[in-house]
């Protein structure tokens, strides 16, 4: 029985995880259906979201240094989404940086040339 191989990048291990699905891939000359990808910006889709879905009957068969077969998107269940907590963290860090800069600027102004009464 012929199987089809899918590869998914695993950021935690830095390797590709391989899956075998029971149904074979179409012939190389046949066109595959175009995946529906939602662009994150005007530039396009992040590479970790691009790829073809792994069929539900696929089984994990190992890992390796190089991708084999069809590329599948990175599993997003353990990743932060585009609009998730990282956006808030970045916003908080920006405000903290501005506040720290203002305090240091005031301290420098005070130490070097604050008008005395």
C-alpha atoms as a PDB file:
ATOM      1  CA  UNK A   1       0.000   0.000   0.000  1.00  0.00           C
ATOM      2  CA  UNK A   2       1.349   3.402  -0.967  1.00  0.00           C
ATOM      3  CA  UNK A   3       1.409   6.146   1.671  1.00  0.00           C
ATOM      4  CA  UNK A   4       2.037   9.864   1.500  1.00  0.00           C
ATOM      5  CA  UNK A   5       4.592  11.603   3.692  1.00  0.00           C
ATOM      6  CA  UNK A   6       4.029  14.963   5.382  1.00  0.00           C
ATOM      7  CA  UNK A   7       6.574  17.049   7.293  1.00  0.00           C
ATOM      8  CA  UNK A   8       5.859  19.595  10.012  1.00  0.00           C
ATOM      9  CA  UNK A   9       8.530  21.870  11.533  1.00  0.00           C
ATOM     10  CA  UNK A  10       8.802  21.462  15.302  1.00  0.00           C
ATOM     11  CA  UNK A  11      10.260  24.650  16.861  1.00  0.00           C
ATOM     12  CA  UNK A  12      10.759  22.935  20.224  1.00  0.00           C
ATOM     13  CA  UNK A  13      13.166  20.331  18.827  1.00  0.00           C
ATOM     14  CA  UNK A  14      14.494  22.204  15.791  1.00  0.00           C
ATOM     15  CA  UNK A  15      13.668  19.235  13.559  1.00  0.00           C
ATOM     16  CA  UNK A  16      11.003  18.100  11.121  1.00  0.00           C
ATOM     17  CA  UNK A  17       8.392  15.648  12.381  1.00  0.00           C
ATOM     18  CA  UNK A  18       7.280  13.114   9.756  1.00  0.00           C
ATOM     19  CA  UNK A  19       3.758  11.772   9.318  1.00  0.00           C
ATOM     20  CA  UNK A  20       2.529   9.054   6.971  1.00  0.00           C
ATOM     21  CA  UNK A  21      -1.033   9.190   5.679  1.00  0.00           C
ATOM     22  CA  UNK A  22      -2.746   6.126   4.191  1.00  0.00           C
ATOM     23  CA  UNK A  23      -3.916   7.842   1.001  1.00  0.00           C
ATOM     24  CA  UNK A  24      -1.287   8.484  -1.685  1.00  0.00           C
ATOM     25  CA  UNK A  25      -0.487  11.926  -3.042  1.00  0.00           C
ATOM     26  CA  UNK A  26      -1.761  12.707  -6.515  1.00  0.00           C
ATOM     27  CA  UNK A  27       0.587  12.338  -9.468  1.00  0.00           C
ATOM     28  CA  UNK A  28       3.170  15.091  -9.779  1.00  0.00           C
ATOM     29  CA  UNK A  29       1.470  16.345 -12.953  1.00  0.00           C
ATOM     30  CA  UNK A  30      -1.888  16.755 -11.215  1.00  0.00           C
ATOM     31  CA  UNK A  31      -2.678  20.071  -9.582  1.00  0.00           C
ATOM     32  CA  UNK A  32      -3.234  20.004  -5.835  1.00  0.00           C
ATOM     33  CA  UNK A  33      -6.009  22.151  -4.404  1.00  0.00           C
ATOM     34  CA  UNK A  34      -4.808  25.601  -3.361  1.00  0.00           C
ATOM     35  CA  UNK A  35      -4.688  25.980   0.437  1.00  0.00           C
ATOM     36  CA  UNK A  36      -6.803  28.777   1.881  1.00  0.00           C
ATOM     37  CA  UNK A  37      -4.364  31.002   3.791  1.00  0.00           C
ATOM     38  CA  UNK A  38      -5.409  34.178   5.597  1.00  0.00           C
ATOM     39  CA  UNK A  39      -2.741  36.892   5.157  1.00  0.00           C
ATOM     40  CA  UNK A  40      -1.458  38.431   8.377  1.00  0.00           C
ATOM     41  CA  UNK A  41      -0.513  41.648   6.579  1.00  0.00           C
ATOM     42  CA  UNK A  42      -0.175  43.119   3.099  1.00  0.00           C
ATOM     43  CA  UNK A  43       3.120  41.233   2.777  1.00  0.00           C
ATOM     44  CA  UNK A  44       1.492  37.811   3.007  1.00  0.00           C
ATOM     45  CA  UNK A  45       1.274  34.741   5.220  1.00  0.00           C
ATOM     46  CA  UNK A  46       3.962  33.885   7.805  1.00  0.00           C
ATOM     47  CA  UNK A  47       5.937  30.825   6.772  1.00  0.00           C
ATOM     48  CA  UNK A  48       4.927  28.879   9.886  1.00  0.00           C
ATOM     49  CA  UNK A  49       1.280  29.114   8.796  1.00  0.00           C
ATOM     50  CA  UNK A  50       1.832  28.043   5.187  1.00  0.00           C
ATOM     51  CA  UNK A  51       1.460  24.452   4.091  1.00  0.00           C
ATOM     52  CA  UNK A  52      -1.087  21.718   3.517  1.00  0.00           C
ATOM     53  CA  UNK A  53      -3.108  20.139   6.301  1.00  0.00           C
ATOM     54  CA  UNK A  54      -2.074  16.690   7.491  1.00  0.00           C
ATOM     55  CA  UNK A  55      -4.935  14.193   6.934  1.00  0.00           C
ATOM     56  CA  UNK A  56      -6.719  12.993  10.053  1.00  0.00           C
ATOM     57  CA  UNK A  57      -5.616   9.387   9.576  1.00  0.00           C
ATOM     58  CA  UNK A  58      -1.897  10.212   9.495  1.00  0.00           C
ATOM     59  CA  UNK A  59       0.494   8.664  12.007  1.00  0.00           C
ATOM     60  CA  UNK A  60       3.757  10.073  13.340  1.00  0.00           C
ATOM     61  CA  UNK A  61       6.701   8.065  12.004  1.00  0.00           C
ATOM     62  CA  UNK A  62       9.779   9.974  13.165  1.00  0.00           C
ATOM     63  CA  UNK A  63      11.904  13.103  12.951  1.00  0.00           C
ATOM     64  CA  UNK A  64      14.737  14.348  10.819  1.00  0.00           C
ATOM     65  CA  UNK A  65      16.910  17.225   9.725  1.00  0.00           C
ATOM     66  CA  UNK A  66      15.224  17.744   6.346  1.00  0.00           C
ATOM     67  CA  UNK A  67      11.596  17.949   5.230  1.00  0.00           C
ATOM     68  CA  UNK A  68      10.156  15.015   3.291  1.00  0.00           C
ATOM     69  CA  UNK A  69       7.034  14.947   1.143  1.00  0.00           C
ATOM     70  CA  UNK A  70       4.436  17.670   1.608  1.00  0.00           C
ATOM     71  CA  UNK A  71       5.059  20.554   4.027  1.00  0.00           C
ATOM     72  CA  UNK A  72       2.426  21.070   6.732  1.00  0.00           C
ATOM     73  CA  UNK A  73       1.954  24.234   8.799  1.00  0.00           C
ATOM     74  CA  UNK A  74       3.517  24.418  12.256  1.00  0.00           C
ATOM     75  CA  UNK A  75       1.232  23.184  15.011  1.00  0.00           C
ATOM     76  CA  UNK A  76      -0.259  26.327  16.499  1.00  0.00           C
ATOM     77  CA  UNK A  77      -1.738  24.823  19.663  1.00  0.00           C
ATOM     78  CA  UNK A  78       1.477  25.621  21.568  1.00  0.00           C
ATOM     79  CA  UNK A  79       2.326  28.873  19.776  1.00  0.00           C
ATOM     80  CA  UNK A  80       1.090  32.361  20.566  1.00  0.00           C
ATOM     81  CA  UNK A  81      -1.313  33.649  17.945  1.00  0.00           C
ATOM     82  CA  UNK A  82      -0.707  36.847  16.011  1.00  0.00           C
ATOM     83  CA  UNK A  83      -2.935  38.903  18.286  1.00  0.00           C
ATOM     84  CA  UNK A  84      -2.151  36.990  21.471  1.00  0.00           C
ATOM     85  CA  UNK A  85      -0.198  37.890  24.580  1.00  0.00           C
ATOM     86  CA  UNK A  86       3.011  38.873  22.777  1.00  0.00           C
ATOM     87  CA  UNK A  87       1.348  42.013  21.427  1.00  0.00           C
ATOM     88  CA  UNK A  88       0.417  43.048  24.953  1.00  0.00           C
ATOM     89  CA  UNK A  89       3.912  42.249  26.263  1.00  0.00           C
ATOM     90  CA  UNK A  90       5.466  44.395  23.547  1.00  0.00           C
ATOM     91  CA  UNK A  91       3.077  47.244  24.392  1.00  0.00           C
ATOM     92  CA  UNK A  92       3.910  46.984  28.100  1.00  0.00           C
ATOM     93  CA  UNK A  93       7.653  46.936  27.388  1.00  0.00           C
ATOM     94  CA  UNK A  94       7.351  50.072  25.234  1.00  0.00           C
ATOM     95  CA  UNK A  95       5.589  52.009  27.980  1.00  0.00           C
ATOM     96  CA  UNK A  96       8.060  50.825  30.591  1.00  0.00           C
ATOM     97  CA  UNK A  97      10.952  51.875  28.337  1.00  0.00           C
ATOM     98  CA  UNK A  98       9.435  55.333  27.880  1.00  0.00           C
ATOM     99  CA  UNK A  99       8.897  55.691  31.623  1.00  0.00           C
ATOM    100  CA  UNK A 100      12.449  54.560  32.461  1.00  0.00           C
ATOM    101  CA  UNK A 101      13.839  56.944  29.816  1.00  0.00           C
ATOM    102  CA  UNK A 102      11.852  59.852  31.238  1.00  0.00           C
ATOM    103  CA  UNK A 103      13.018  59.134  34.792  1.00  0.00           C
ATOM    104  CA  UNK A 104      16.653  58.833  33.692  1.00  0.00           C
ATOM    105  CA  UNK A 105      16.354  62.027  31.633  1.00  0.00           C
ATOM    106  CA  UNK A 106      14.949  63.900  34.608  1.00  0.00           C
ATOM    107  CA  UNK A 107      17.708  62.552  36.879  1.00  0.00           C
ATOM    108  CA  UNK A 108      20.374  63.624  34.388  1.00  0.00           C
ATOM    109  CA  UNK A 109      18.802  67.082  34.006  1.00  0.00           C
ATOM    110  CA  UNK A 110      18.565  67.444  37.775  1.00  0.00           C
ATOM    111  CA  UNK A 111      22.180  66.362  38.369  1.00  0.00           C
ATOM    112  CA  UNK A 112      23.773  68.482  35.643  1.00  0.00           C
ATOM    113  CA  UNK A 113      21.979  71.751  35.477  1.00  0.00           C
ATOM    114  CA  UNK A 114      18.764  72.173  37.362  1.00  0.00           C
ATOM    115  CA  UNK A 115      18.329  75.897  38.058  1.00  0.00           C
ATOM    116  CA  UNK A 116      19.002  76.568  41.744  1.00  0.00           C
ATOM    117  CA  UNK A 117      16.794  78.917  43.749  1.00  0.00           C
END
